[in-house]
Amino acid sequence: MAANTTPEAPLPVGEVSRLIGGWIDRLGAVWVEGQITQLSRRPGAGVVFLTLRDPSYDISVSVTCYRQVFDTVADVVGEGARVVVLAKPEWYAPRGQLSLRAAEIRPVGVGELLARLERLKKALAAEGLFAPERKKPLPFLPQLIGLVCGRASAAERDVLENARHRWPAVRFEVRNVPVQGVHAVPQVVQAVKELDETDEVDVIIVARGGGSVEDLLPFSDEQLVRAVAACRTPVVSAIGHEPDNPLLDHVADLRASTPTDAAKKVVPDVGEEFERVRMLRDRARRCVRAFVEREERGLAHALARPSIEDPHRMVDERAEQVASLAERGRRTLGHLLDRADSELTHTHARVVALSPAATLRRGYAVLQKADGHVVRGPDEVSDGESLRARVADGEFTVKVGE
């Protein structure tokens, strides 16, 4: 129960520490899992001091145990090992410090580690962190490569030497961090985030040499996997050797079997590219030459035709035909005109012969009344009526007698 206190009646620090110790004493023993970060075994001392850390939350707690408890696992447990401890919480009132008193220590076996990693792998895969559509393509020729690796490690040497051998002008931004142990995860995560925030970095390589499952355990940490998944820069995983398969391989945009393989996949070989350019240039030259030769053959074939070889020949042949047709047309038109002229002459003669004027020239006359009607019979006129007589050379007036 909470102590009854007021601003006027506060509890001393020692009393608060004593109460905390009383509450903690009522707790029973619990099984705790963590990673040993510090181990102190003083010669002749009956107590062993350890620091147990949770890498996921970056929390540490002190653990003490009797030497005979630790000696049962001393051959297989050291700094960096993951263990399960049966311990009872203890409160050291003078210092206000919480610690655990271990009654039993069990190392976490490889089989159990692999089972836990498999469960974590399935959970992350269900979230879509390993989906192929999330993978980002690598640039063809990165101008600046970020490299996260151990200091003066073989992985760093392999990546740098092989990359510069393939493309001497390539540049690197190297971040040396611990690649195993308790400090590996936070520092690798920080290095990846720093390189991802650098705009000049085109691709990030996380490299480490081979090792045991425990040594490679930081590269299967959930915090690192999520940090790589959140990167906007393509990330290449080059952890261990071909059989090694940490979770980082699944979330990375590209998995390389070794650090050397990472350099080959990220940096193109200048010799191979030069040879490829040469082959493409030769192929283009052959294609152009074949095209020109094909067109030359077509042109030669066209020039060999009579119409192209002697173009005036066709014109001359057609000119004779045109002249013959023109002469024929002139003759035909002349005949038609002559025939039409003859027919017109005969028609004119018939018209002249049949016209009233010709009749009048033979001595006939046409009588017309005053209103212009032609007199056809004597009953159409009356005695003394004036008529107009029309003859071949003119007209005159006459009067009707009896």
Protein backbone atom coordinates (compact mmCIF):
# COMPACT_ATOMS: atom_id res chain seq x y z
CA MET A 1 0.00 0.00 0.00
CA ALA A 2 1.14 3.56 -0.67
CA ALA A 3 2.56 5.42 2.31
CA ASN A 4 0.59 8.35 3.63
CA THR A 5 2.72 11.42 3.13
CA THR A 6 2.15 15.16 2.90
CA PRO A 7 4.37 18.10 2.07
CA GLU A 8 4.56 18.78 5.80
CA ALA A 9 5.30 15.13 6.68
CA PRO A 10 7.47 13.67 3.88
CA LEU A 11 9.36 10.40 4.12
CA PRO A 12 13.14 10.44 4.31
CA VAL A 13 15.07 8.94 1.44
CA GLY A 14 16.27 6.10 3.61
CA GLU A 15 12.70 5.24 4.56
CA VAL A 16 11.64 5.28 0.92
CA SER A 17 14.57 3.01 0.05
CA ARG A 18 13.62 0.68 2.90
CA LEU A 19 10.00 0.53 1.70
CA ILE A 20 11.11 -0.21 -1.87
CA GLY A 21 13.30 -3.00 -0.53
CA GLY A 22 10.35 -4.43 1.37
CA TRP A 23 8.16 -4.42 -1.71
CA ILE A 24 10.86 -6.03 -3.84
CA ASP A 25 11.53 -8.67 -1.17
CA ARG A 26 7.97 -9.85 -1.54
CA LEU A 27 8.61 -10.64 -5.25
CA GLY A 28 9.41 -14.23 -6.07
CA ALA A 29 12.12 -15.62 -8.33
CA VAL A 30 11.65 -15.05 -12.08
CA TRP A 31 13.27 -16.39 -15.21
CA VAL A 32 15.07 -13.58 -17.05
CA GLU A 33 16.64 -13.67 -20.51
CA GLY A 34 19.38 -11.33 -21.64
CA GLN A 35 22.89 -10.96 -22.99
CA ILE A 36 25.94 -10.88 -20.76
CA THR A 37 27.78 -7.63 -21.37
CA GLN A 38 30.19 -7.63 -18.41
CA LEU A 39 31.57 -10.54 -16.43
CA SER A 40 33.70 -10.21 -13.33
CA ARG A 41 35.22 -13.26 -11.61
CA ARG A 42 37.73 -12.15 -9.07
CA PRO A 43 40.24 -14.78 -7.98
CA GLY A 44 39.33 -16.20 -4.61
CA ALA A 45 35.99 -14.40 -4.47
CA GLY A 46 32.91 -16.49 -3.84
CA VAL A 47 30.60 -14.20 -5.84
CA VAL A 48 30.52 -13.56 -9.58
CA PHE A 49 29.22 -10.24 -10.92
CA LEU A 50 27.49 -9.98 -14.28
CA THR A 51 25.62 -7.34 -16.26
CA LEU A 52 22.60 -8.64 -18.13
CA ARG A 53 21.37 -6.52 -21.02
CA ASP A 54 18.33 -6.51 -23.27
CA PRO A 55 19.59 -5.34 -26.72
CA SER A 56 16.09 -4.60 -27.96
CA TYR A 57 15.38 -2.00 -25.27
CA ASP A 58 18.96 -1.11 -24.32
CA ILE A 59 18.32 -1.85 -20.63
CA SER A 60 20.87 -3.44 -18.31
CA VAL A 61 20.62 -4.88 -14.81
CA SER A 62 23.28 -6.15 -12.42
CA VAL A 63 23.32 -9.85 -11.54
CA THR A 64 25.22 -11.60 -8.76
CA CYS A 65 25.57 -15.31 -8.19
CA TYR A 66 27.68 -17.64 -6.15
CA ARG A 67 30.74 -19.02 -7.87
CA GLN A 68 29.45 -22.59 -7.74
CA VAL A 69 26.33 -21.46 -9.67
CA PHE A 70 28.40 -19.85 -12.39
CA ASP A 71 31.02 -22.62 -12.54
CA THR A 72 28.40 -25.03 -13.90
CA VAL A 73 28.22 -22.98 -17.14
CA ALA A 74 31.60 -21.26 -17.09
CA ASP A 75 32.90 -23.34 -20.00
CA VAL A 76 30.10 -22.30 -22.40
CA VAL A 77 29.15 -18.83 -21.17
CA GLY A 78 31.13 -15.63 -21.62
CA GLU A 79 30.66 -11.99 -22.50
CA GLY A 80 28.21 -11.60 -25.40
CA ALA A 81 26.44 -14.91 -24.67
CA ARG A 82 22.67 -15.04 -24.33
CA VAL A 83 21.48 -16.75 -21.17
CA VAL A 84 18.33 -17.48 -19.20
CA VAL A 85 18.70 -16.79 -15.46
CA LEU A 86 16.50 -17.84 -12.56
CA ALA A 87 16.94 -14.91 -10.19
CA LYS A 88 15.28 -13.09 -7.34
CA PRO A 89 15.20 -9.27 -7.41
CA GLU A 90 17.10 -7.61 -4.58
CA TRP A 91 17.22 -4.00 -3.46
CA TYR A 92 20.41 -2.58 -1.94
CA ALA A 93 19.00 0.15 0.29
CA PRO A 94 22.21 2.15 1.03
CA ARG A 95 22.78 2.82 -2.66
CA GLY A 96 19.20 2.54 -3.89
CA GLN A 97 20.27 -0.05 -6.49
CA LEU A 98 18.31 -2.96 -7.94
CA SER A 99 20.06 -6.21 -8.74
CA LEU A 100 19.26 -9.84 -9.33
CA ARG A 101 20.50 -12.77 -7.28
CA ALA A 102 20.91 -15.70 -9.70
CA ALA A 103 20.19 -19.20 -8.50
CA GLU A 104 20.56 -20.89 -11.89
CA ILE A 105 22.05 -19.93 -15.25
CA ARG A 106 21.22 -21.65 -18.53
CA PRO A 107 22.84 -20.78 -21.84
CA VAL A 108 20.46 -20.25 -24.74
CA GLY A 109 21.21 -23.03 -27.22
CA VAL A 110 21.63 -22.60 -30.96
CA GLY A 111 18.48 -24.57 -31.66
CA GLU A 112 16.42 -22.32 -29.45
CA LEU A 113 18.02 -19.24 -31.01
CA LEU A 114 17.17 -20.50 -34.48
CA ALA A 115 13.59 -21.21 -33.42
CA ARG A 116 13.22 -17.70 -32.05
CA LEU A 117 14.72 -16.23 -35.20
CA GLU A 118 12.29 -18.27 -37.29
CA ARG A 119 9.34 -16.94 -35.27
CA LEU A 120 10.64 -13.37 -35.66
CA LYS A 121 11.18 -13.98 -39.38
CA LYS A 122 7.56 -15.10 -39.84
CA ALA A 123 6.24 -12.13 -37.88
CA LEU A 124 8.26 -9.62 -39.93
CA ALA A 125 7.34 -11.35 -43.18
CA ALA A 126 3.67 -11.11 -42.23
CA GLU A 127 4.14 -7.34 -41.92
CA GLY A 128 5.44 -7.24 -45.50
CA LEU A 129 9.02 -6.20 -44.64
CA PHE A 130 10.45 -8.94 -46.88
CA ALA A 131 8.07 -8.39 -49.83
CA PRO A 132 9.83 -8.31 -53.24
CA GLU A 133 7.92 -5.21 -54.34
CA ARG A 134 9.62 -3.25 -51.54
CA LYS A 135 13.07 -3.94 -52.99
CA LYS A 136 14.73 -0.89 -54.51
CA PRO A 137 16.96 -1.26 -57.59
CA LEU A 138 20.65 -0.51 -57.26
CA PRO A 139 22.18 2.30 -59.35
CA PHE A 140 24.29 1.19 -62.29
CA LEU A 141 27.33 3.22 -61.22
CA PRO A 142 27.11 4.59 -57.66
CA GLN A 143 29.15 7.75 -57.13
CA LEU A 144 29.41 7.30 -53.35
CA ILE A 145 28.98 3.99 -51.48
CA GLY A 146 28.24 3.81 -47.77
CA LEU A 147 30.02 0.93 -46.01
CA VAL A 148 29.17 -0.30 -42.50
CA CYS A 149 31.73 -2.83 -41.21
CA GLY A 150 34.15 -3.65 -38.44
CA ARG A 151 37.28 -1.58 -37.98
CA ALA A 152 40.27 -2.92 -39.97
CA SER A 153 38.24 -6.05 -40.76
CA ALA A 154 38.71 -8.47 -43.60
CA ALA A 155 35.21 -7.57 -44.81
CA GLU A 156 36.21 -3.90 -45.15
CA ARG A 157 39.39 -4.82 -47.01
CA ASP A 158 37.56 -7.19 -49.36
CA VAL A 159 34.89 -4.64 -50.27
CA LEU A 160 37.28 -1.71 -50.77
CA GLU A 161 39.95 -3.60 -52.69
CA ASN A 162 37.57 -5.47 -54.99
CA ALA A 163 35.44 -2.38 -55.68
CA ARG A 164 38.45 -0.20 -56.53
CA HIS A 165 39.94 -2.97 -58.62
CA ARG A 166 36.72 -3.09 -60.65
CA TRP A 167 36.19 0.68 -60.85
CA PRO A 168 39.15 2.75 -59.58
CA ALA A 169 37.17 6.02 -59.39
CA VAL A 170 34.58 4.68 -56.93
CA ARG A 171 34.32 6.54 -53.58
CA PHE A 172 33.35 5.17 -50.15
CA GLU A 173 31.92 6.62 -46.97
CA VAL A 174 33.00 4.09 -44.30
CA ARG A 175 31.45 3.69 -40.85
CA ASN A 176 33.48 1.39 -38.56
CA VAL A 177 31.30 -0.14 -35.86
CA PRO A 178 31.29 -3.25 -33.67
CA VAL A 179 29.84 -6.16 -35.63
CA GLN A 180 29.26 -8.48 -32.69
CA GLY A 181 28.62 -8.15 -29.01
CA VAL A 182 26.23 -6.02 -27.03
CA HIS A 183 27.07 -2.71 -28.72
CA ALA A 184 26.77 -3.97 -32.29
CA VAL A 185 23.05 -3.42 -32.86
CA PRO A 186 22.69 0.23 -31.74
CA GLN A 187 25.88 1.34 -33.50
CA VAL A 188 25.09 -0.47 -36.75
CA VAL A 189 21.60 1.03 -36.69
CA GLN A 190 23.02 4.50 -36.08
CA ALA A 191 25.58 4.11 -38.90
CA VAL A 192 22.90 2.95 -41.36
CA LYS A 193 20.65 5.89 -40.46
CA GLU A 194 23.51 8.39 -40.84
CA LEU A 195 24.41 7.07 -44.28
CA ASP A 196 20.76 6.99 -45.33
CA GLU A 197 20.40 10.65 -44.39
CA THR A 198 23.44 11.58 -46.53
CA ASP A 199 22.11 12.64 -49.94
CA GLU A 200 25.37 11.83 -51.76
CA VAL A 201 25.28 8.14 -50.74
CA ASP A 202 23.75 6.05 -53.55
CA VAL A 203 23.89 2.62 -51.92
CA ILE A 204 24.73 1.20 -48.46
CA ILE A 205 26.66 -2.04 -47.86
CA VAL A 206 26.47 -3.73 -44.45
CA ALA A 207 29.38 -6.20 -44.37
CA ARG A 208 30.80 -8.71 -41.92
CA GLY A 209 32.93 -11.82 -42.20
CA GLY A 210 31.82 -15.29 -41.19
CA GLY A 211 31.11 -16.46 -37.68
CA SER A 212 28.90 -18.59 -35.50
CA VAL A 213 25.17 -18.12 -35.14
CA GLU A 214 25.75 -16.20 -31.92
CA ASP A 215 28.32 -13.94 -33.61
CA LEU A 216 25.90 -13.08 -36.41
CA LEU A 217 22.96 -12.62 -34.07
CA PRO A 218 23.06 -8.76 -34.16
CA PHE A 219 22.22 -8.86 -37.87
CA SER A 220 18.98 -10.68 -37.08
CA ASP A 221 17.93 -8.11 -34.50
CA GLU A 222 14.43 -6.69 -35.02
CA GLN A 223 15.61 -3.12 -34.43
CA LEU A 224 18.20 -3.36 -37.24
CA VAL A 225 15.76 -5.08 -39.59
CA ARG A 226 13.20 -2.30 -39.14
CA ALA A 227 15.85 0.40 -39.55
CA VAL A 228 16.97 -1.10 -42.88
CA ALA A 229 13.34 -1.46 -44.02
CA ALA A 230 12.82 2.26 -43.38
CA CYS A 231 15.85 3.32 -45.47
CA ARG A 232 15.22 5.28 -48.66
CA THR A 233 18.70 4.31 -49.94
CA PRO A 234 19.19 0.78 -51.36
CA VAL A 235 20.87 -1.50 -48.82
CA VAL A 236 23.06 -4.52 -49.65
CA SER A 237 23.56 -7.25 -47.05
CA ALA A 238 26.95 -8.97 -47.12
CA ILE A 239 27.02 -10.93 -43.87
CA GLY A 240 29.14 -14.05 -43.38
CA HIS A 241 29.44 -16.69 -46.06
CA GLU A 242 27.05 -18.41 -48.44
CA PRO A 243 25.33 -20.67 -45.81
CA ASP A 244 24.79 -17.76 -43.39
CA ASN A 245 21.34 -16.27 -43.65
CA PRO A 246 20.56 -13.58 -41.04
CA LEU A 247 17.27 -11.68 -41.20
CA LEU A 248 19.12 -8.70 -42.64
CA ASP A 249 19.47 -10.69 -45.89
CA HIS A 250 15.69 -10.83 -46.27
CA VAL A 251 14.95 -7.16 -45.66
CA ALA A 252 17.90 -5.80 -47.66
CA ASP A 253 17.33 -4.76 -51.26
CA LEU A 254 20.08 -7.15 -52.39
CA ARG A 255 21.80 -10.09 -50.68
CA ALA A 256 25.45 -10.79 -51.37
CA SER A 257 26.92 -14.13 -50.35
CA THR A 258 30.18 -12.53 -49.18
CA PRO A 259 31.66 -9.03 -48.87
CA THR A 260 33.63 -9.71 -52.05
CA ASP A 261 30.41 -10.64 -53.82
CA ALA A 262 28.86 -7.38 -52.59
CA ALA A 263 31.63 -5.35 -54.25
CA LYS A 264 31.06 -7.24 -57.51
CA LYS A 265 27.31 -6.69 -57.45
CA VAL A 266 27.41 -3.02 -56.49
CA VAL A 267 30.32 -1.79 -58.63
CA PRO A 268 30.53 -2.62 -62.36
CA ASP A 269 33.83 -3.87 -63.74
CA VAL A 270 35.44 -1.20 -65.90
CA GLY A 271 37.11 -3.85 -68.08
CA GLU A 272 33.86 -5.74 -68.61
CA GLU A 273 31.99 -2.52 -69.38
CA PHE A 274 34.69 -1.44 -71.82
CA GLU A 275 34.49 -4.83 -73.52
CA ARG A 276 30.70 -4.58 -73.62
CA VAL A 277 30.92 -1.11 -75.16
CA ARG A 278 33.45 -2.40 -77.71
CA MET A 279 31.18 -5.33 -78.63
CA LEU A 280 28.17 -3.04 -78.97
CA ARG A 281 30.19 -0.62 -81.08
CA ASP A 282 31.36 -3.46 -83.35
CA ARG A 283 27.82 -4.74 -83.61
CA ALA A 284 26.56 -1.26 -84.50
CA ARG A 285 29.33 -0.91 -87.09
CA ARG A 286 28.39 -4.28 -88.64
CA CYS A 287 24.72 -3.32 -88.71
CA VAL A 288 25.49 0.01 -90.39
CA ARG A 289 27.86 -1.62 -92.89
CA ALA A 290 25.28 -4.30 -93.74
CA PHE A 291 22.63 -1.64 -94.19
CA VAL A 292 24.86 0.45 -96.47
CA GLU A 293 25.87 -2.61 -98.51
CA ARG A 294 22.23 -3.67 -98.87
CA GLU A 295 21.27 -0.20 -100.05
CA GLU A 296 24.22 -0.13 -102.45
CA ARG A 297 23.10 -3.44 -103.95
CA GLY A 298 19.58 -2.12 -104.30
CA LEU A 299 20.88 1.05 -105.94
CA ALA A 300 23.09 -0.92 -108.32
CA HIS A 301 20.14 -3.15 -109.22
CA ALA A 302 18.01 -0.08 -109.88
CA LEU A 303 20.75 1.52 -111.99
CA ALA A 304 21.01 -1.66 -114.08
CA ARG A 305 17.43 -1.27 -115.33
CA PRO A 306 17.12 0.05 -118.93
CA SER A 307 14.90 2.91 -117.82
CA ILE A 308 17.60 4.18 -115.45
CA GLU A 309 20.62 3.21 -117.52
CA ASP A 310 19.36 5.13 -120.66
CA PRO A 311 16.44 7.31 -119.50
CA HIS A 312 16.30 9.19 -122.89
CA ARG A 313 15.54 5.95 -124.70
CA MET A 314 12.09 5.73 -123.23
CA VAL A 315 11.49 9.42 -123.98
CA ASP A 316 12.61 8.94 -127.59
CA GLU A 317 10.36 5.90 -128.01
CA ARG A 318 7.44 7.76 -126.58
CA ALA A 319 8.23 10.84 -128.70
CA GLU A 320 7.82 8.78 -131.91
CA GLN A 321 4.52 7.41 -130.66
CA VAL A 322 3.35 10.90 -129.73
CA ALA A 323 4.34 12.27 -133.17
CA SER A 324 2.55 9.40 -134.94
CA LEU A 325 -0.57 9.92 -132.85
CA ALA A 326 -0.43 13.68 -133.43
CA GLU A 327 -0.15 13.19 -137.23
CA ARG A 328 -3.00 10.71 -137.14
CA GLY A 329 -5.06 13.19 -135.13
CA ARG A 330 -4.33 15.95 -137.62
CA ARG A 331 -5.38 13.74 -140.55
CA THR A 332 -8.51 12.61 -138.82
CA LEU A 333 -9.43 16.17 -137.89
CA GLY A 334 -8.75 17.34 -141.47
CA HIS A 335 -11.02 14.65 -142.87
CA LEU A 336 -13.73 15.56 -140.42
CA LEU A 337 -13.45 19.24 -141.25
CA ASP A 338 -13.52 18.54 -145.01
CA ARG A 339 -16.58 16.35 -144.64
CA ALA A 340 -18.31 18.91 -142.47
CA ASP A 341 -17.49 21.67 -144.98
CA SER A 342 -18.94 19.61 -147.83
CA GLU A 343 -22.08 18.87 -145.88
CA LEU A 344 -22.42 22.54 -144.95
CA THR A 345 -22.07 23.57 -148.63
CA HIS A 346 -24.78 21.15 -149.72
CA THR A 347 -27.06 22.18 -146.89
CA HIS A 348 -26.56 25.85 -147.75
CA ALA A 349 -27.41 25.15 -151.38
CA ARG A 350 -30.61 23.38 -150.38
CA VAL A 351 -31.53 26.19 -147.98
CA VAL A 352 -30.94 28.77 -150.70
CA ALA A 353 -32.95 26.76 -153.16
CA LEU A 354 -35.85 26.38 -150.78
CA SER A 355 -35.86 29.95 -149.38
CA PRO A 356 -38.74 32.37 -150.28
CA ALA A 357 -36.20 34.84 -151.62
CA ALA A 358 -35.24 32.43 -154.37
CA THR A 359 -38.89 32.06 -155.30
CA LEU A 360 -39.27 35.83 -155.40
CA ARG A 361 -36.28 36.07 -157.78
CA ARG A 362 -38.13 33.87 -160.22
CA GLY A 363 -40.82 36.60 -160.51
CA TYR A 364 -43.20 35.79 -157.75
CA ALA A 365 -44.55 38.35 -155.24
CA VAL A 366 -46.04 38.15 -151.75
CA LEU A 367 -49.12 40.22 -150.96
CA GLN A 368 -49.68 41.37 -147.41
CA LYS A 369 -52.56 43.19 -145.87
CA ALA A 370 -52.07 46.27 -143.72
CA ASP A 371 -51.85 44.11 -140.59
CA GLY A 372 -49.10 42.01 -142.17
CA HIS A 373 -51.20 38.90 -142.96
CA VAL A 374 -50.28 37.18 -146.22
CA VAL A 375 -53.04 37.05 -148.81
CA ARG A 376 -53.65 33.45 -149.85
CA GLY A 377 -56.88 33.76 -151.73
CA PRO A 378 -59.07 36.39 -153.48
CA ASP A 379 -61.79 36.06 -150.91
CA GLU A 380 -59.46 37.49 -148.29
CA VAL A 381 -59.35 40.98 -149.94
CA SER A 382 -62.00 43.52 -150.84
CA ASP A 383 -62.39 45.90 -153.72
CA GLY A 384 -60.22 48.98 -153.41
CA GLU A 385 -58.21 47.58 -150.45
CA SER A 386 -54.57 48.63 -150.40
CA LEU A 387 -52.08 45.78 -150.23
CA ARG A 388 -48.33 45.67 -149.93
CA ALA A 389 -46.60 43.69 -152.63
CA ARG A 390 -43.18 42.25 -151.77
CA VAL A 391 -40.83 41.22 -154.60
CA ALA A 392 -37.20 40.13 -154.79
CA ASP A 393 -35.77 43.64 -154.95
CA GLY A 394 -38.23 45.46 -152.61
CA GLU A 395 -41.91 46.19 -152.13
CA PHE A 396 -44.68 48.49 -153.30
CA THR A 397 -48.39 49.19 -152.73
CA VAL A 398 -51.21 47.99 -154.94
CA LYS A 399 -55.01 48.31 -154.90
CA VAL A 400 -57.46 45.55 -155.48
CA GLY A 401 -59.67 45.95 -158.59
CA GLU A 402 -62.49 43.75 -159.67
